[in-house]
Amino acid sequence: MKKKKEISFEELPEFKRDFKKLLKKFPTLNEDFKTFKNTALKAFHLLGIENVGIFAISGLGIVEPKIYKAKKFACRSLQGTGSNSGIRVIYAFFEKDKKIEFIEIYFKGNKENENRKRILKNYG
């Protein structure tokens, strides 16, 4: 029986800081993030299941890895706002290694867009 390739997950130090800050405001974030990784990300990158809430960020000039933004992040602390809750996750996907590196997580109510400087500093 052939073993299915798993995705490995890593977090940049800046992501960890962002996450810690958001955790104070959204207590279910830890659990919600685990669910997001094990369902949405694996389905999209391993099984090729289309997800309109995850899309590649264009205009960065980065070929490898591909940088993605996830808009549909279900956070139970934001009950009643739906899966398009306002939490955004920015990450890099390394196709060959099946590795995801989390770059940034933020609440849309606090900032409008991803930190392109941070993305370019790490991957540009």
Protein backbone atom coordinates (compact mmCIF):
# COMPACT_ATOMS: atom_id res chain seq x y z
CA MET A 1 0.00 0.00 0.00
CA LYS A 2 1.43 3.35 -1.05
CA LYS A 3 1.75 5.89 1.76
CA LYS A 4 0.09 9.20 0.96
CA LYS A 5 2.37 12.23 1.12
CA GLU A 6 1.50 14.51 4.01
CA ILE A 7 1.92 18.26 4.14
CA SER A 8 4.31 19.64 6.71
CA PHE A 9 3.58 22.96 8.38
CA GLU A 10 5.98 25.62 9.61
CA GLU A 11 5.48 29.13 10.98
CA LEU A 12 7.64 32.21 10.57
CA PRO A 13 8.47 34.00 13.87
CA GLU A 14 6.36 37.00 12.75
CA PHE A 15 3.40 34.67 12.16
CA LYS A 16 3.76 33.29 15.70
CA ARG A 17 3.63 36.86 17.08
CA ASP A 18 0.56 37.69 14.97
CA PHE A 19 -1.14 34.49 16.11
CA LYS A 20 -0.42 35.13 19.79
CA LYS A 21 -1.95 38.62 19.55
CA LEU A 22 -5.09 37.34 17.79
CA LEU A 23 -5.47 34.50 20.30
CA LYS A 24 -6.18 37.06 23.04
CA LYS A 25 -9.10 38.42 21.03
CA PHE A 26 -10.31 35.10 19.54
CA PRO A 27 -10.04 32.27 22.13
CA THR A 28 -11.09 29.50 19.69
CA LEU A 29 -8.31 30.39 17.22
CA ASN A 30 -5.98 27.50 18.20
CA GLU A 31 -8.61 24.87 17.53
CA ASP A 32 -10.00 26.65 14.46
CA PHE A 33 -6.48 26.89 12.98
CA LYS A 34 -5.90 23.14 13.46
CA THR A 35 -9.18 22.41 11.66
CA PHE A 36 -8.27 24.81 8.84
CA LYS A 37 -4.89 23.09 8.32
CA ASN A 38 -6.29 19.56 8.40
CA THR A 39 -9.31 20.19 6.18
CA ALA A 40 -9.12 23.22 3.88
CA LEU A 41 -5.36 23.22 3.22
CA LYS A 42 -4.97 19.47 2.80
CA ALA A 43 -8.03 19.25 0.55
CA PHE A 44 -6.79 22.12 -1.61
CA HIS A 45 -3.10 21.19 -1.92
CA LEU A 46 -3.09 17.38 -1.58
CA LEU A 47 -6.42 16.39 -3.07
CA GLY A 48 -6.75 19.23 -5.57
CA ILE A 49 -10.22 20.16 -4.34
CA GLU A 50 -11.05 23.66 -5.57
CA ASN A 51 -11.59 26.25 -2.84
CA VAL A 52 -12.74 29.75 -3.80
CA GLY A 53 -11.58 31.04 -0.41
CA ILE A 54 -7.92 30.26 -1.16
CA PHE A 55 -6.12 31.99 -4.00
CA ALA A 56 -2.58 32.81 -5.13
CA ILE A 57 -1.42 36.38 -4.50
CA SER A 58 -0.30 37.90 -7.78
CA GLY A 59 2.09 40.71 -8.58
CA LEU A 60 4.82 39.72 -6.12
CA GLY A 61 7.31 38.53 -8.73
CA ILE A 62 7.92 35.32 -6.76
CA VAL A 63 7.88 32.10 -8.79
CA GLU A 64 8.69 29.55 -6.09
CA PRO A 65 7.16 29.10 -3.56
CA LYS A 66 3.62 30.13 -4.48
CA ILE A 67 2.17 32.63 -2.01
CA TYR A 68 -1.49 32.17 -1.09
CA LYS A 69 -4.13 34.08 0.84
CA ALA A 70 -6.93 32.21 2.59
CA LYS A 71 -10.04 34.33 3.01
CA LYS A 72 -12.46 31.68 4.17
CA PHE A 73 -11.23 30.92 7.65
CA ALA A 74 -13.98 29.76 9.98
CA CYS A 75 -13.37 31.19 13.44
CA ARG A 76 -15.97 30.23 16.03
CA SER A 77 -15.09 33.30 18.12
CA LEU A 78 -16.58 35.33 15.27
CA GLN A 79 -19.90 33.45 15.45
CA GLY A 80 -22.57 34.62 13.05
CA THR A 81 -20.16 36.21 10.57
CA GLY A 82 -19.82 33.08 8.41
CA SER A 83 -16.65 31.46 7.11
CA ASN A 84 -15.59 34.69 5.41
CA SER A 85 -15.08 35.92 8.96
CA GLY A 86 -12.42 38.49 8.49
CA ILE A 87 -9.42 36.43 9.54
CA ARG A 88 -6.88 36.14 6.75
CA VAL A 89 -4.01 33.66 6.54
CA ILE A 90 -1.04 34.27 4.22
CA TYR A 91 1.24 31.33 3.50
CA ALA A 92 3.84 29.95 1.12
CA PHE A 93 3.36 26.53 -0.49
CA PHE A 94 6.44 24.58 -1.54
CA GLU A 95 4.99 22.15 -4.12
CA LYS A 96 8.01 19.82 -4.39
CA ASP A 97 8.43 19.42 -0.61
CA LYS A 98 4.69 19.51 0.16
CA LYS A 99 5.44 22.12 2.79
CA ILE A 100 3.39 25.10 3.93
CA GLU A 101 5.06 27.98 5.70
CA PHE A 102 2.70 30.40 7.43
CA ILE A 103 3.73 34.02 6.89
CA GLU A 104 1.00 36.16 8.38
CA ILE A 105 -2.40 35.96 10.07
CA TYR A 106 -4.51 39.03 10.65
CA PHE A 107 -8.01 40.27 11.36
CA LYS A 108 -9.47 42.23 8.45
CA GLY A 109 -11.00 44.72 10.89
CA ASN A 110 -7.48 45.78 11.95
CA LYS A 111 -5.74 45.89 8.56
CA GLU A 112 -6.86 45.73 4.96
CA ASN A 113 -4.16 43.71 3.16
CA GLU A 114 -1.23 41.36 3.59
CA ASN A 115 2.21 42.68 4.50
CA ARG A 116 3.92 42.51 1.09
CA LYS A 117 7.22 43.73 2.58
CA ARG A 118 7.26 40.73 4.91
CA ILE A 119 6.52 38.34 2.02
CA LEU A 120 9.27 39.82 -0.17
CA LYS A 121 11.75 39.93 2.72
CA ASN A 122 11.35 36.18 3.22
CA TYR A 123 10.84 34.95 -0.35
CA GLY A 124 11.74 37.75 -2.77
